[in-house]
Amino acid sequence: MTQASDAGRPAATVVVVRDRPGLAPDILMMERAATMAFAAGALVFPGGAVEEGDWTLAERFAGQLALDDAAARVAAIRETLEESGLGIGLQGLTDAAQPLSLRASLSTGESMGMLLERHGLGLALDELVPFARWHPADAERVQRIYDTRFYLARMPEGQEASADGAEAVRLFWYSAADTIARCDAGEGRIIFPTRRNLERLAGFNSFDELAAHAASTPVEAVRPWIEQRDGRPHLCIPTHLGYPVCSEPIATVSRG
């Protein structure tokens, strides 16, 4: 199965949501290492490119899902485990601390498939809720082109997240609105797709509200384009995909 093409490399990311009664939910954010080739130093959701082994596991666990969707969900689960130590979508865990030991095994080179077999675990791909899909066009002039699927997932009960210290140098939990405000105050950097998704997430007060919104909103490839508005070039996205802000002056856009 091909992992990349001129149309962009398949990738996946997870918006991990932690409910707070009476308050806006926390969203897990990670600061990427300054040495990373893409979005170095930026604040992002956990995720990464779909790998060959993800396609193999997708064939086993896809069920009624399309294979490309299933492979993206497998990648999202694997990358979240690697970067944050959270066992999103893992079936058969013996205790809340087990994902951290699983992450340690992945870091030594053991494949996700081997890890599942050795520990008698399965994948619950339906625990990931499709939220968005972003696929920048060449016109956006990003460093690398990824066809990225975004999923929602509920924070697993009893588990603790921790940065892997390699790709992610730190992580934190803030509401979507708080993360935007902190970045606007110079306490972090978010690239264009992350900002647009945080603005969208900020409109809801629980994981269930977000999941209902996602279920009622079409998931179509967001392919930003550049056009002149009020005499200035803007980076724009479609207006029918649930985003409250659909354009931003190119001069203020942060890219990968």
Protein backbone atom coordinates (compact mmCIF):
# COMPACT_ATOMS: atom_id res chain seq x y z
CA MET A 1 0.00 0.00 0.00
CA THR A 2 1.43 3.38 -1.00
CA GLN A 3 2.08 5.72 1.91
CA ALA A 4 2.75 8.89 -0.04
CA SER A 5 2.11 10.43 -3.43
CA ASP A 6 2.26 13.78 -5.18
CA ALA A 7 -1.16 14.42 -3.67
CA GLY A 8 0.28 14.43 -0.16
CA ARG A 9 1.32 11.87 2.43
CA PRO A 10 -1.53 10.36 4.48
CA ALA A 11 -1.42 11.43 8.13
CA ALA A 12 -3.67 11.51 11.18
CA THR A 13 -4.00 13.50 14.37
CA VAL A 14 -6.12 13.21 17.51
CA VAL A 15 -7.91 15.91 19.47
CA VAL A 16 -7.91 14.39 22.97
CA VAL A 17 -10.72 15.94 25.01
CA ARG A 18 -10.86 15.97 28.81
CA ASP A 19 -14.21 17.12 30.17
CA ARG A 20 -14.39 19.57 33.08
CA PRO A 21 -17.89 19.90 34.62
CA GLY A 22 -19.15 23.44 34.27
CA LEU A 23 -16.10 24.55 32.28
CA ALA A 24 -14.91 24.29 28.70
CA PRO A 25 -13.11 20.98 28.17
CA ASP A 26 -9.34 20.70 28.18
CA ILE A 27 -7.61 19.82 24.91
CA LEU A 28 -4.25 18.02 24.89
CA MET A 29 -1.57 20.08 23.13
CA MET A 30 2.06 19.21 22.52
CA GLU A 31 5.07 21.37 21.71
CA ARG A 32 7.07 19.86 18.87
CA ALA A 33 10.83 19.70 19.22
CA ALA A 34 12.72 22.54 17.55
CA THR A 35 14.65 19.98 15.50
CA MET A 36 11.57 18.58 13.73
CA ALA A 37 11.42 19.04 9.95
CA PHE A 38 7.73 20.02 10.01
CA ALA A 39 6.11 22.55 12.38
CA ALA A 40 9.25 22.78 14.50
CA GLY A 41 8.48 24.32 17.89
CA ALA A 42 4.77 24.62 17.14
CA LEU A 43 1.93 23.55 19.41
CA VAL A 44 0.03 20.67 17.85
CA PHE A 45 -2.34 17.81 18.57
CA PRO A 46 -0.63 14.39 18.81
CA GLY A 47 -0.31 12.67 15.45
CA GLY A 48 1.87 11.89 12.48
CA ALA A 49 2.20 10.16 9.13
CA VAL A 50 0.54 6.85 8.29
CA GLU A 51 3.16 4.10 8.13
CA GLU A 52 3.23 0.78 6.29
CA GLY A 53 2.41 -1.21 9.41
CA ASP A 54 -0.70 0.90 9.97
CA TRP A 55 -2.14 -0.34 6.66
CA THR A 56 -1.50 -3.95 7.73
CA LEU A 57 -3.34 -3.46 11.02
CA ALA A 58 -6.11 -1.58 9.24
CA GLU A 59 -6.84 -4.64 7.12
CA ARG A 60 -7.30 -6.61 10.34
CA PHE A 61 -9.38 -4.13 12.34
CA ALA A 62 -11.21 -2.04 9.71
CA GLY A 63 -14.59 -3.76 9.99
CA GLN A 64 -17.03 -1.58 8.04
CA LEU A 65 -14.58 1.32 7.72
CA ALA A 66 -12.91 2.23 4.45
CA LEU A 67 -9.33 1.01 4.49
CA ASP A 68 -7.76 4.48 4.19
CA ASP A 69 -9.87 5.74 7.10
CA ALA A 70 -8.96 2.68 9.17
CA ALA A 71 -5.24 3.10 8.44
CA ALA A 72 -5.43 6.75 9.53
CA ARG A 73 -7.13 5.73 12.78
CA VAL A 74 -4.46 3.12 13.47
CA ALA A 75 -1.78 5.78 12.86
CA ALA A 76 -3.60 8.18 15.17
CA ILE A 77 -3.69 5.59 17.96
CA ARG A 78 -0.04 4.65 17.50
CA GLU A 79 1.22 8.23 17.30
CA THR A 80 -0.79 9.29 20.36
CA LEU A 81 0.69 6.38 22.32
CA GLU A 82 4.23 7.24 21.16
CA GLU A 83 4.03 10.96 21.82
CA SER A 84 1.82 11.20 24.91
CA GLY A 85 1.71 7.72 26.48
CA LEU A 86 -2.09 7.63 26.23
CA GLY A 87 -3.78 4.39 25.17
CA ILE A 88 -6.53 5.83 22.99
CA GLY A 89 -8.53 3.05 21.29
CA LEU A 90 -6.63 0.17 22.89
CA GLN A 91 -8.76 -2.81 23.94
CA GLY A 92 -7.75 -5.21 26.71
CA LEU A 93 -5.53 -2.97 28.84
CA THR A 94 -4.86 -4.48 32.26
CA ASP A 95 -4.42 -1.17 34.09
CA ALA A 96 -4.20 2.57 33.48
CA ALA A 97 -0.39 2.58 33.64
CA GLN A 98 0.09 -0.07 30.94
CA PRO A 99 0.17 2.39 28.00
CA LEU A 100 3.41 3.90 29.34
CA SER A 101 5.15 0.52 29.23
CA LEU A 102 3.74 -0.06 25.76
CA ARG A 103 5.23 3.26 24.65
CA ALA A 104 8.61 2.18 26.00
CA SER A 105 8.43 -0.96 23.86
CA LEU A 106 7.57 1.08 20.77
CA SER A 107 10.58 3.30 21.42
CA THR A 108 12.87 0.26 21.23
CA GLY A 109 11.65 -0.54 17.72
CA GLU A 110 8.91 -3.08 18.43
CA SER A 111 6.10 -2.66 15.92
CA MET A 112 2.55 -1.84 16.94
CA GLY A 113 1.38 -5.15 15.47
CA MET A 114 3.91 -7.15 17.49
CA LEU A 115 2.97 -5.20 20.62
CA LEU A 116 -0.72 -5.98 20.21
CA GLU A 117 -0.03 -9.66 19.68
CA ARG A 118 2.34 -9.98 22.65
CA HIS A 119 -0.06 -8.31 25.09
CA GLY A 120 -3.30 -9.73 23.68
CA LEU A 121 -4.65 -6.28 22.83
CA GLY A 122 -7.06 -5.11 20.18
CA LEU A 123 -7.95 -1.81 18.53
CA ALA A 124 -11.29 -0.07 18.93
CA LEU A 125 -11.15 2.19 15.90
CA ASP A 126 -14.70 3.41 16.49
CA GLU A 127 -13.53 5.26 19.63
CA LEU A 128 -12.11 7.88 17.27
CA VAL A 129 -14.71 10.31 15.92
CA PRO A 130 -13.99 11.86 12.49
CA PHE A 131 -13.76 15.64 12.88
CA ALA A 132 -11.97 17.14 9.87
CA ARG A 133 -9.58 16.50 7.01
CA TRP A 134 -6.96 19.00 5.83
CA HIS A 135 -5.06 18.65 2.58
CA PRO A 136 -3.15 21.84 1.66
CA ALA A 137 -2.72 22.69 -2.00
CA ASP A 138 0.59 23.70 -3.53
CA ALA A 139 -0.63 27.31 -3.55
CA GLU A 140 -0.42 27.45 0.22
CA ARG A 141 3.37 27.04 -0.07
CA VAL A 142 3.76 24.77 2.95
CA GLN A 143 7.05 22.96 3.49
CA ARG A 144 5.50 19.50 3.26
CA ILE A 145 2.09 18.39 2.03
CA TYR A 146 0.13 15.99 4.23
CA ASP A 147 -3.41 14.72 3.74
CA THR A 148 -4.33 14.77 7.44
CA ARG A 149 -7.44 13.34 9.05
CA PHE A 150 -8.43 14.81 12.42
CA TYR A 151 -10.25 12.67 14.99
CA LEU A 152 -11.83 13.37 18.38
CA ALA A 153 -11.16 11.03 21.31
CA ARG A 154 -12.19 11.10 24.94
CA MET A 155 -9.36 11.19 27.50
CA PRO A 156 -9.07 7.62 28.87
CA GLU A 157 -10.12 7.40 32.51
CA GLY A 158 -7.27 7.05 34.99
CA GLN A 159 -4.45 7.47 32.47
CA GLU A 160 -1.78 10.16 32.62
CA ALA A 161 -0.22 11.88 29.62
CA SER A 162 3.49 12.66 29.40
CA ALA A 163 5.69 14.04 26.63
CA ASP A 164 8.05 11.55 24.99
CA GLY A 165 10.91 14.06 25.08
CA ALA A 166 11.79 13.36 21.45
CA GLU A 167 9.13 14.60 19.05
CA ALA A 168 7.18 16.30 21.86
CA VAL A 169 9.21 18.29 24.39
CA ARG A 170 6.26 19.25 26.58
CA LEU A 171 2.51 18.86 26.76
CA PHE A 172 -0.28 20.66 28.53
CA TRP A 173 -4.03 20.77 28.99
CA TYR A 174 -5.88 24.03 28.35
CA SER A 175 -9.23 24.85 26.84
CA ALA A 176 -9.11 25.60 23.13
CA ALA A 177 -9.79 29.29 23.79
CA ASP A 178 -7.03 29.47 26.42
CA THR A 179 -4.49 27.92 24.04
CA ILE A 180 -5.32 30.51 21.38
CA ALA A 181 -5.05 33.33 23.92
CA ARG A 182 -1.69 32.10 25.19
CA CYS A 183 -0.32 31.90 21.66
CA ASP A 184 -1.61 35.39 20.90
CA ALA A 185 0.27 36.54 24.02
CA GLY A 186 3.50 35.07 22.65
CA GLU A 187 3.55 31.92 24.81
CA GLY A 188 3.44 29.52 21.87
CA ARG A 189 3.00 29.20 18.12
CA ILE A 190 0.18 27.49 16.23
CA ILE A 191 0.09 26.97 12.48
CA PHE A 192 -2.93 27.84 10.34
CA PRO A 193 -4.82 24.49 10.49
CA THR A 194 -4.30 24.18 14.25
CA ARG A 195 -5.64 27.69 14.88
CA ARG A 196 -8.71 27.11 12.73
CA ASN A 197 -9.45 23.83 14.51
CA LEU A 198 -8.95 25.33 17.96
CA GLU A 199 -11.38 28.13 17.06
CA ARG A 200 -13.90 25.49 16.05
CA LEU A 201 -13.34 23.40 19.19
CA ALA A 202 -13.79 26.46 21.40
CA GLY A 203 -17.50 26.61 20.56
CA PHE A 204 -18.42 23.49 22.57
CA ASN A 205 -18.58 22.58 26.26
CA SER A 206 -18.04 18.80 26.35
CA PHE A 207 -16.81 15.82 24.38
CA ASP A 208 -20.41 14.76 23.72
CA GLU A 209 -21.25 18.18 22.26
CA LEU A 210 -18.19 18.03 20.05
CA ALA A 211 -18.98 14.49 18.89
CA ALA A 212 -22.56 15.50 18.01
CA HIS A 213 -21.28 18.52 16.09
CA ALA A 214 -18.77 16.36 14.23
CA ALA A 215 -21.46 13.82 13.32
CA SER A 216 -23.62 16.56 11.79
CA THR A 217 -20.83 18.32 9.86
CA PRO A 218 -19.44 17.03 6.56
CA VAL A 219 -15.83 15.86 6.59
CA GLU A 220 -14.40 17.10 3.32
CA ALA A 221 -10.80 17.82 2.41
CA VAL A 222 -10.02 21.40 3.43
CA ARG A 223 -7.77 22.79 0.70
CA PRO A 224 -6.90 26.40 1.57
CA TRP A 225 -6.51 28.90 -1.23
CA ILE A 226 -5.20 32.46 -1.52
CA GLU A 227 -7.38 35.35 -2.67
CA GLN A 228 -7.44 39.13 -2.38
CA ARG A 229 -9.79 40.52 0.26
CA ASP A 230 -9.91 44.19 1.23
CA GLY A 231 -6.81 44.76 -0.85
CA ARG A 232 -4.73 42.13 0.95
CA PRO A 233 -4.01 38.47 0.17
CA HIS A 234 -5.83 36.11 2.53
CA LEU A 235 -5.53 32.38 3.11
CA CYS A 236 -9.09 31.05 2.90
CA ILE A 237 -11.05 27.87 3.63
CA PRO A 238 -14.65 26.81 2.83
CA THR A 239 -17.45 28.30 4.92
CA HIS A 240 -19.66 25.17 5.21
CA LEU A 241 -17.40 22.88 7.26
CA GLY A 242 -18.07 24.21 10.76
CA TYR A 243 -15.25 26.73 11.09
CA PRO A 244 -16.15 30.10 12.67
CA VAL A 245 -13.15 31.84 11.05
CA CYS A 246 -12.59 31.05 7.37
CA SER A 247 -9.85 33.46 6.30
CA GLU A 248 -6.74 35.16 7.64
CA PRO A 249 -4.38 37.73 6.10
CA ILE A 250 -1.32 36.00 4.69
CA ALA A 251 0.88 38.41 6.63
CA THR A 252 -0.25 36.91 9.96
CA VAL A 253 -0.46 33.23 8.95
CA SER A 254 1.95 30.85 10.67
CA ARG A 255 2.82 27.83 8.52
CA GLY A 256 4.66 24.56 8.93
